[in-house]
Amino acid sequence: MTRPVRHLRAAQPNRVLTSVEQRIEAVARTLIARTADRGPARFAVRFGVFVAKQAWACVFGAAMLALLLVARLGYPEPALLTRNDAITS
C-alpha cells in the first residue's frame, strides 16, 4: 500500500517556483510515488531530488563568481569607472 505524496515544499507555501523548480518538483513527485515507503530506492530518489535542488540553487552563486573572475581578469585598471562600480551599476 502506498501513502499519498506530501507536498514537498510545505515550508514555503506562498513562494512562486521557477520553471526549472516546477520541473524538479514534478519529477520528484512522480519518482517518490513510484518507490516503496522504505529502502534504498526511496533514499536514492530523495537524495537525487536534494542534489538537483541544490545544484539549481548554486547557479546564481556560480554566475556571480564567474562575473567577479571575468571582471578581475579582464577589466582594465586605468579605466575611469572602477571595477566594483562597473559590476554593481
N, C-alpha and C. Protein backbone atom coordinates (compact mmCIF):
# COMPACT_ATOMS: atom_id res chain seq x y z
N MET A 1 0.84 -1.18 0.00
CA MET A 1 0.00 0.00 0.00
C MET A 1 0.89 1.24 0.00
N THR A 2 0.59 2.18 -0.84
CA THR A 2 1.39 3.40 -0.90
C THR A 2 0.66 4.55 -0.22
N ARG A 3 1.46 5.41 0.38
CA ARG A 3 0.90 6.60 1.03
C ARG A 3 0.72 7.70 0.00
N PRO A 4 -0.20 8.65 0.26
CA PRO A 4 -0.27 9.80 -0.62
C PRO A 4 1.00 10.64 -0.47
N VAL A 5 1.42 11.23 -1.56
CA VAL A 5 2.65 12.02 -1.55
C VAL A 5 2.38 13.38 -0.92
N ARG A 6 3.20 13.72 0.08
CA ARG A 6 3.07 15.04 0.71
C ARG A 6 3.56 16.10 -0.25
N HIS A 7 3.08 17.30 -0.04
CA HIS A 7 3.58 18.42 -0.82
C HIS A 7 5.02 18.66 -0.39
N LEU A 8 5.95 18.68 -1.33
CA LEU A 8 7.37 18.73 -0.99
C LEU A 8 7.83 20.08 -0.48
N ARG A 9 7.11 21.15 -0.76
CA ARG A 9 7.55 22.47 -0.31
C ARG A 9 6.56 23.10 0.65
N ALA A 10 6.13 22.35 1.62
CA ALA A 10 5.15 22.84 2.59
C ALA A 10 5.69 23.97 3.45
N ALA A 11 7.00 24.08 3.58
CA ALA A 11 7.59 25.12 4.44
C ALA A 11 7.41 26.52 3.87
N GLN A 12 7.29 26.65 2.56
CA GLN A 12 7.13 27.96 1.92
C GLN A 12 5.95 27.91 0.95
N PRO A 13 4.72 27.92 1.45
CA PRO A 13 3.56 27.72 0.58
C PRO A 13 3.28 28.86 -0.40
N ASN A 14 3.73 30.08 -0.11
CA ASN A 14 3.39 31.21 -0.98
C ASN A 14 4.48 31.56 -1.99
N ARG A 15 5.58 30.83 -1.98
CA ARG A 15 6.68 31.13 -2.88
C ARG A 15 6.37 30.64 -4.28
N VAL A 16 6.64 31.47 -5.29
CA VAL A 16 6.42 31.10 -6.68
C VAL A 16 7.65 30.36 -7.19
N LEU A 17 7.43 29.22 -7.82
CA LEU A 17 8.54 28.42 -8.33
C LEU A 17 8.89 28.83 -9.75
N THR A 18 10.18 28.74 -10.07
CA THR A 18 10.60 28.96 -11.46
C THR A 18 10.22 27.73 -12.27
N SER A 19 10.36 27.81 -13.58
CA SER A 19 10.00 26.67 -14.43
C SER A 19 10.90 25.47 -14.15
N VAL A 20 12.17 25.71 -13.85
CA VAL A 20 13.08 24.61 -13.53
C VAL A 20 12.67 23.96 -12.21
N GLU A 21 12.33 24.77 -11.22
CA GLU A 21 11.90 24.23 -9.93
C GLU A 21 10.60 23.44 -10.07
N GLN A 22 9.69 23.93 -10.91
CA GLN A 22 8.45 23.21 -11.15
C GLN A 22 8.72 21.85 -11.77
N ARG A 23 9.66 21.82 -12.70
CA ARG A 23 10.03 20.56 -13.36
C ARG A 23 10.65 19.58 -12.34
N ILE A 24 11.54 20.08 -11.49
CA ILE A 24 12.15 19.23 -10.46
C ILE A 24 11.07 18.68 -9.53
N GLU A 25 10.13 19.53 -9.12
CA GLU A 25 9.04 19.09 -8.24
C GLU A 25 8.19 18.01 -8.90
N ALA A 26 7.86 18.20 -10.18
CA ALA A 26 7.02 17.23 -10.88
C ALA A 26 7.72 15.88 -10.99
N VAL A 27 8.99 15.89 -11.36
CA VAL A 27 9.74 14.64 -11.47
C VAL A 27 9.89 14.00 -10.10
N ALA A 28 10.14 14.81 -9.08
CA ALA A 28 10.29 14.28 -7.72
C ALA A 28 9.01 13.60 -7.26
N ARG A 29 7.88 14.24 -7.47
CA ARG A 29 6.61 13.64 -7.05
C ARG A 29 6.37 12.31 -7.76
N THR A 30 6.67 12.27 -9.05
CA THR A 30 6.47 11.04 -9.83
C THR A 30 7.37 9.93 -9.31
N LEU A 31 8.64 10.24 -9.12
CA LEU A 31 9.58 9.21 -8.66
C LEU A 31 9.28 8.74 -7.24
N ILE A 32 8.93 9.67 -6.36
CA ILE A 32 8.62 9.30 -4.98
C ILE A 32 7.36 8.45 -4.92
N ALA A 33 6.38 8.75 -5.75
CA ALA A 33 5.15 7.96 -5.77
C ALA A 33 5.41 6.53 -6.26
N ARG A 34 6.42 6.35 -7.11
CA ARG A 34 6.71 5.02 -7.67
C ARG A 34 7.56 4.16 -6.74
N THR A 35 8.26 4.75 -5.79
CA THR A 35 9.16 3.96 -4.94
C THR A 35 8.43 3.46 -3.70
N ALA A 36 9.01 2.46 -3.08
CA ALA A 36 8.43 1.89 -1.86
C ALA A 36 8.55 2.90 -0.72
N ASP A 37 7.84 2.64 0.36
CA ASP A 37 7.86 3.55 1.50
C ASP A 37 9.21 3.61 2.19
N ARG A 38 9.97 2.52 2.16
CA ARG A 38 11.28 2.47 2.81
C ARG A 38 12.27 1.80 1.87
N GLY A 39 13.53 1.91 2.23
CA GLY A 39 14.54 1.17 1.49
C GLY A 39 15.49 2.07 0.73
N PRO A 40 16.47 1.44 0.10
CA PRO A 40 17.50 2.21 -0.60
C PRO A 40 16.97 2.96 -1.82
N ALA A 41 15.95 2.44 -2.47
CA ALA A 41 15.42 3.14 -3.64
C ALA A 41 14.80 4.48 -3.24
N ARG A 42 14.05 4.46 -2.16
CA ARG A 42 13.42 5.69 -1.66
C ARG A 42 14.49 6.71 -1.25
N PHE A 43 15.52 6.22 -0.55
CA PHE A 43 16.62 7.10 -0.15
C PHE A 43 17.32 7.68 -1.38
N ALA A 44 17.57 6.85 -2.39
CA ALA A 44 18.26 7.31 -3.60
C ALA A 44 17.45 8.38 -4.32
N VAL A 45 16.14 8.19 -4.40
CA VAL A 45 15.28 9.18 -5.06
C VAL A 45 15.29 10.49 -4.29
N ARG A 46 15.12 10.43 -2.98
CA ARG A 46 15.12 11.65 -2.18
C ARG A 46 16.47 12.36 -2.23
N PHE A 47 17.56 11.58 -2.21
CA PHE A 47 18.88 12.17 -2.32
C PHE A 47 19.08 12.82 -3.69
N GLY A 48 18.61 12.18 -4.74
CA GLY A 48 18.71 12.75 -6.09
C GLY A 48 17.93 14.05 -6.22
N VAL A 49 16.76 14.10 -5.62
CA VAL A 49 15.95 15.33 -5.63
C VAL A 49 16.69 16.44 -4.87
N PHE A 50 17.26 16.09 -3.72
CA PHE A 50 18.02 17.06 -2.94
C PHE A 50 19.18 17.61 -3.75
N VAL A 51 19.93 16.74 -4.41
CA VAL A 51 21.08 17.17 -5.21
C VAL A 51 20.63 18.07 -6.36
N ALA A 52 19.54 17.73 -7.03
CA ALA A 52 19.04 18.55 -8.13
C ALA A 52 18.63 19.94 -7.64
N LYS A 53 17.96 20.00 -6.50
CA LYS A 53 17.54 21.30 -5.97
C LYS A 53 18.75 22.13 -5.53
N GLN A 54 19.74 21.50 -4.92
CA GLN A 54 20.93 22.23 -4.51
C GLN A 54 21.72 22.72 -5.71
N ALA A 55 21.79 21.90 -6.75
CA ALA A 55 22.51 22.31 -7.97
C ALA A 55 21.83 23.53 -8.59
N TRP A 56 20.51 23.54 -8.62
CA TRP A 56 19.79 24.68 -9.17
C TRP A 56 20.02 25.93 -8.30
N ALA A 57 20.07 25.75 -7.00
CA ALA A 57 20.29 26.88 -6.11
C ALA A 57 21.71 27.44 -6.27
N CYS A 58 22.65 26.63 -6.67
CA CYS A 58 24.04 27.06 -6.83
C CYS A 58 24.29 27.83 -8.13
N VAL A 59 23.34 27.83 -9.03
CA VAL A 59 23.53 28.50 -10.32
C VAL A 59 23.81 30.00 -10.12
N PHE A 60 23.07 30.65 -9.24
CA PHE A 60 23.28 32.08 -9.01
C PHE A 60 24.67 32.34 -8.46
N GLY A 61 25.09 31.56 -7.49
CA GLY A 61 26.42 31.73 -6.91
C GLY A 61 27.52 31.51 -7.94
N ALA A 62 27.35 30.52 -8.78
CA ALA A 62 28.34 30.25 -9.83
C ALA A 62 28.39 31.39 -10.84
N ALA A 63 27.23 31.95 -11.19
CA ALA A 63 27.19 33.07 -12.12
C ALA A 63 27.87 34.30 -11.53
N MET A 64 27.63 34.54 -10.26
CA MET A 64 28.26 35.69 -9.59
C MET A 64 29.78 35.51 -9.51
N LEU A 65 30.21 34.32 -9.18
CA LEU A 65 31.65 34.04 -9.13
C LEU A 65 32.28 34.22 -10.51
N ALA A 66 31.62 33.74 -11.54
CA ALA A 66 32.14 33.90 -12.90
C ALA A 66 32.24 35.38 -13.27
N LEU A 67 31.23 36.17 -12.91
CA LEU A 67 31.26 37.61 -13.19
C LEU A 67 32.43 38.28 -12.49
N LEU A 68 32.64 37.93 -11.23
CA LEU A 68 33.75 38.53 -10.48
C LEU A 68 35.10 38.14 -11.07
N LEU A 69 35.25 36.89 -11.48
CA LEU A 69 36.51 36.45 -12.08
C LEU A 69 36.77 37.12 -13.42
N VAL A 70 35.74 37.22 -14.24
CA VAL A 70 35.89 37.89 -15.54
C VAL A 70 36.24 39.36 -15.33
N ALA A 71 35.59 39.99 -14.38
CA ALA A 71 35.88 41.40 -14.11
C ALA A 71 37.31 41.56 -13.59
N ARG A 72 37.73 40.65 -12.74
CA ARG A 72 39.09 40.73 -12.18
C ARG A 72 40.16 40.53 -13.26
N LEU A 73 39.92 39.58 -14.13
CA LEU A 73 40.93 39.25 -15.14
C LEU A 73 40.85 40.13 -16.39
N GLY A 74 39.68 40.63 -16.72
CA GLY A 74 39.53 41.32 -17.99
C GLY A 74 39.27 42.81 -17.94
N TYR A 75 39.00 43.35 -16.77
CA TYR A 75 38.68 44.77 -16.69
C TYR A 75 39.96 45.59 -16.60
N PRO A 76 40.10 46.61 -17.43
CA PRO A 76 41.35 47.39 -17.42
C PRO A 76 41.50 48.23 -16.15
N GLU A 77 42.70 48.25 -15.61
CA GLU A 77 42.99 49.00 -14.38
C GLU A 77 42.84 50.52 -14.56
N PRO A 78 43.32 51.10 -15.67
CA PRO A 78 43.24 52.57 -15.76
C PRO A 78 41.88 53.10 -16.23
N ALA A 79 40.84 52.32 -16.15
CA ALA A 79 39.52 52.76 -16.60
C ALA A 79 39.00 53.88 -15.68
N LEU A 80 38.15 54.74 -16.25
CA LEU A 80 37.58 55.84 -15.47
C LEU A 80 36.62 55.34 -14.38
N LEU A 81 35.92 54.30 -14.67
CA LEU A 81 34.99 53.72 -13.72
C LEU A 81 35.65 52.50 -13.06
N THR A 82 35.69 52.50 -11.74
CA THR A 82 36.38 51.40 -11.06
C THR A 82 35.65 50.08 -11.31
N ARG A 83 36.36 48.97 -11.15
CA ARG A 83 35.82 47.65 -11.45
C ARG A 83 34.56 47.36 -10.61
N ASN A 84 34.59 47.62 -9.33
CA ASN A 84 33.43 47.35 -8.47
C ASN A 84 32.22 48.18 -8.88
N ASP A 85 32.44 49.41 -9.28
CA ASP A 85 31.33 50.25 -9.71
C ASP A 85 30.75 49.73 -11.04
N ALA A 86 31.60 49.23 -11.90
CA ALA A 86 31.12 48.69 -13.18
C ALA A 86 30.27 47.44 -12.97
N ILE A 87 30.63 46.62 -11.98
CA ILE A 87 29.87 45.39 -11.72
C ILE A 87 28.51 45.72 -11.12
N THR A 88 28.44 46.67 -10.21
CA THR A 88 27.20 46.94 -9.49
C THR A 88 26.29 47.97 -10.17
N SER A 89 26.77 48.65 -11.20
CA SER A 89 25.89 49.64 -11.83
C SER A 89 25.18 49.10 -13.03
